[in-house]
C-alpha cells in the first residue's frame, strides 16, 4: 500500500505559478479528490480557509484578446492573493491563462478514479 499512497499523494500534475506559499503547496499534496466537482470546490475552499486564508469564488478575470473567465478561487492572506483553478485530470489551457492573470497561482487536479483504485486495494 505504501507505493500506492506515494502515487496518490505525489500529485506532480498540480501546476504552480509564481511563488506559491509553502502551506498551500503542502496542502495540495494532502487533499483527497472527491467524486463530484462541486464537492471538490467546497472541500478545497474549506481546507484553504483552515490555513487562515480569506477566499472568494468565481472571480472575474480578463485573459486577453477580448476573452474573459472566472477563477474558481482566489485565496488571500497577509496581503498576498493566489489564483486557484480546480480542474479534473490535467490543467486546462484556459485555467493556465486565468491563473497567470495573478502573480501567484495554482491548478489543483481531482481524479476520482484514483480514489476508487485505492479504495478497492485497501478493502
Protein backbone atom coordinates (compact mmCIF):
# COMPACT_ATOMS: atom_id res chain seq x y z
CA UNK A 1 0.00 0.00 0.00
CA UNK A 2 2.94 2.34 0.57
CA UNK A 3 3.70 2.73 -3.15
CA UNK A 4 0.05 3.42 -3.95
CA UNK A 5 -0.08 6.13 -1.29
CA UNK A 6 3.01 7.69 -2.80
CA UNK A 7 1.37 7.87 -6.23
CA UNK A 8 -1.84 9.23 -4.73
CA UNK A 9 -0.24 11.95 -2.60
CA UNK A 10 2.60 12.78 -5.00
CA UNK A 11 0.33 14.60 -7.41
CA UNK A 12 3.03 16.06 -9.64
CA UNK A 13 0.30 17.06 -12.10
CA UNK A 14 -0.67 20.04 -9.94
CA UNK A 15 0.63 23.20 -11.54
CA UNK A 16 2.18 26.09 -9.60
CA UNK A 17 2.75 29.63 -10.94
CA UNK A 18 4.94 32.17 -9.16
CA UNK A 19 5.96 31.98 -5.52
CA UNK A 20 3.13 29.85 -4.09
CA UNK A 21 3.23 29.88 -0.26
CA UNK A 22 4.60 26.69 1.28
CA UNK A 23 1.43 25.99 3.28
CA UNK A 24 -0.64 25.84 0.06
CA UNK A 25 1.90 23.62 -1.69
CA UNK A 26 1.86 21.20 1.25
CA UNK A 27 -1.94 21.30 1.34
CA UNK A 28 -2.10 20.46 -2.38
CA UNK A 29 -0.37 17.14 -1.67
CA UNK A 30 -2.68 16.29 1.24
CA UNK A 31 -6.04 16.96 -0.43
CA UNK A 32 -8.21 13.93 -1.16
CA UNK A 33 -10.05 14.21 -4.51
CA UNK A 34 -13.83 13.92 -4.39
CA UNK A 35 -16.17 12.19 -6.81
CA UNK A 36 -18.13 15.34 -7.74
CA UNK A 37 -16.70 18.68 -8.89
CA UNK A 38 -18.90 20.81 -6.60
CA UNK A 39 -17.77 18.76 -3.59
CA UNK A 40 -14.14 19.30 -4.63
CA UNK A 41 -14.65 23.07 -4.84
CA UNK A 42 -16.31 23.21 -1.40
CA UNK A 43 -13.68 20.93 0.15
CA UNK A 44 -10.67 22.81 -1.24
CA UNK A 45 -12.13 26.17 -0.16
CA UNK A 46 -12.77 24.85 3.35
CA UNK A 47 -9.23 23.44 3.69
CA UNK A 48 -7.66 26.68 2.46
CA UNK A 49 -9.73 28.68 4.96
CA UNK A 50 -8.45 26.42 7.76
CA UNK A 51 -4.97 27.76 6.94
CA UNK A 52 -6.16 31.31 7.66
CA UNK A 53 -6.84 32.46 4.10
CA UNK A 54 -9.83 34.52 3.02
CA UNK A 55 -11.38 33.08 -0.13
CA UNK A 56 -13.58 34.28 -2.96
CA UNK A 57 -15.19 32.10 -5.61
CA UNK A 58 -15.84 32.70 -9.30
CA UNK A 59 -13.61 35.77 -9.58
CA UNK A 60 -13.84 37.54 -12.95
CA UNK A 61 -10.57 37.92 -14.90
CA UNK A 62 -9.59 39.32 -18.30
CA UNK A 63 -7.27 36.87 -20.09
CA UNK A 64 -6.55 38.88 -23.25
CA UNK A 65 -7.75 39.11 -26.84
CA UNK A 66 -11.20 40.10 -25.65
CA UNK A 67 -11.56 36.87 -23.65
CA UNK A 68 -12.63 36.65 -20.04
CA UNK A 69 -13.07 33.93 -17.47
CA UNK A 70 -13.76 33.23 -13.84
CA UNK A 71 -11.23 31.83 -11.42
CA UNK A 72 -12.59 29.03 -9.25
CA UNK A 73 -10.99 30.56 -6.14
CA UNK A 74 -8.82 33.44 -5.05
CA UNK A 75 -7.17 32.99 -1.67
CA UNK A 76 -5.75 35.95 0.27
CA UNK A 77 -3.53 36.08 3.34
CA UNK A 78 -1.14 38.75 4.58
CA UNK A 79 -1.94 40.89 1.53
CA UNK A 80 -0.93 38.17 -0.95
CA UNK A 81 -3.52 36.87 -3.41
CA UNK A 82 -3.30 33.45 -5.04
CA UNK A 83 -5.36 32.44 -8.08
CA UNK A 84 -6.65 28.87 -7.90
CA UNK A 85 -8.22 26.75 -10.60
CA UNK A 86 -9.68 23.32 -9.87
CA UNK A 87 -9.54 21.01 -12.87
CA UNK A 88 -10.22 17.35 -13.49
CA UNK A 89 -7.26 15.28 -14.76
CA UNK A 90 -4.97 17.81 -16.45
CA UNK A 91 -4.63 21.59 -16.24
CA UNK A 92 -6.77 23.12 -18.98
CA UNK A 93 -5.17 25.74 -21.24
CA UNK A 94 -7.77 28.32 -20.17
CA UNK A 95 -7.09 27.55 -16.49
CA UNK A 96 -3.40 28.28 -17.01
CA UNK A 97 -4.25 31.56 -18.76
CA UNK A 98 -6.54 32.52 -15.88
CA UNK A 99 -4.04 31.86 -13.08
CA UNK A 100 -1.39 33.82 -14.99
CA UNK A 101 -3.52 36.96 -14.59
CA UNK A 102 -2.23 36.93 -10.98
CA UNK A 103 1.40 36.96 -9.82
CA UNK A 104 0.82 33.69 -7.95
CA UNK A 105 -1.46 30.82 -8.90
CA UNK A 106 -2.04 27.10 -8.92
CA UNK A 107 -4.13 24.49 -10.70
CA UNK A 108 -5.21 21.63 -8.42
CA UNK A 109 -6.39 18.41 -10.01
CA UNK A 110 -9.04 15.93 -8.99
CA UNK A 111 -9.34 12.42 -10.37
CA UNK A 112 -11.91 10.28 -8.54
CA UNK A 113 -10.70 7.14 -10.38
CA UNK A 114 -7.54 7.30 -8.28
CA UNK A 115 -9.71 7.18 -5.15
CA UNK A 116 -11.64 4.16 -6.44
CA UNK A 117 -8.42 2.26 -7.22
CA UNK A 118 -7.05 2.92 -3.77
CA UNK A 119 -10.34 2.03 -2.04
CA UNK A 120 -10.55 -1.24 -3.93
CA UNK A 121 -6.99 -2.19 -2.99
CA UNK A 122 -7.47 -1.16 0.65
CA UNK A 123 -10.67 -3.20 1.03
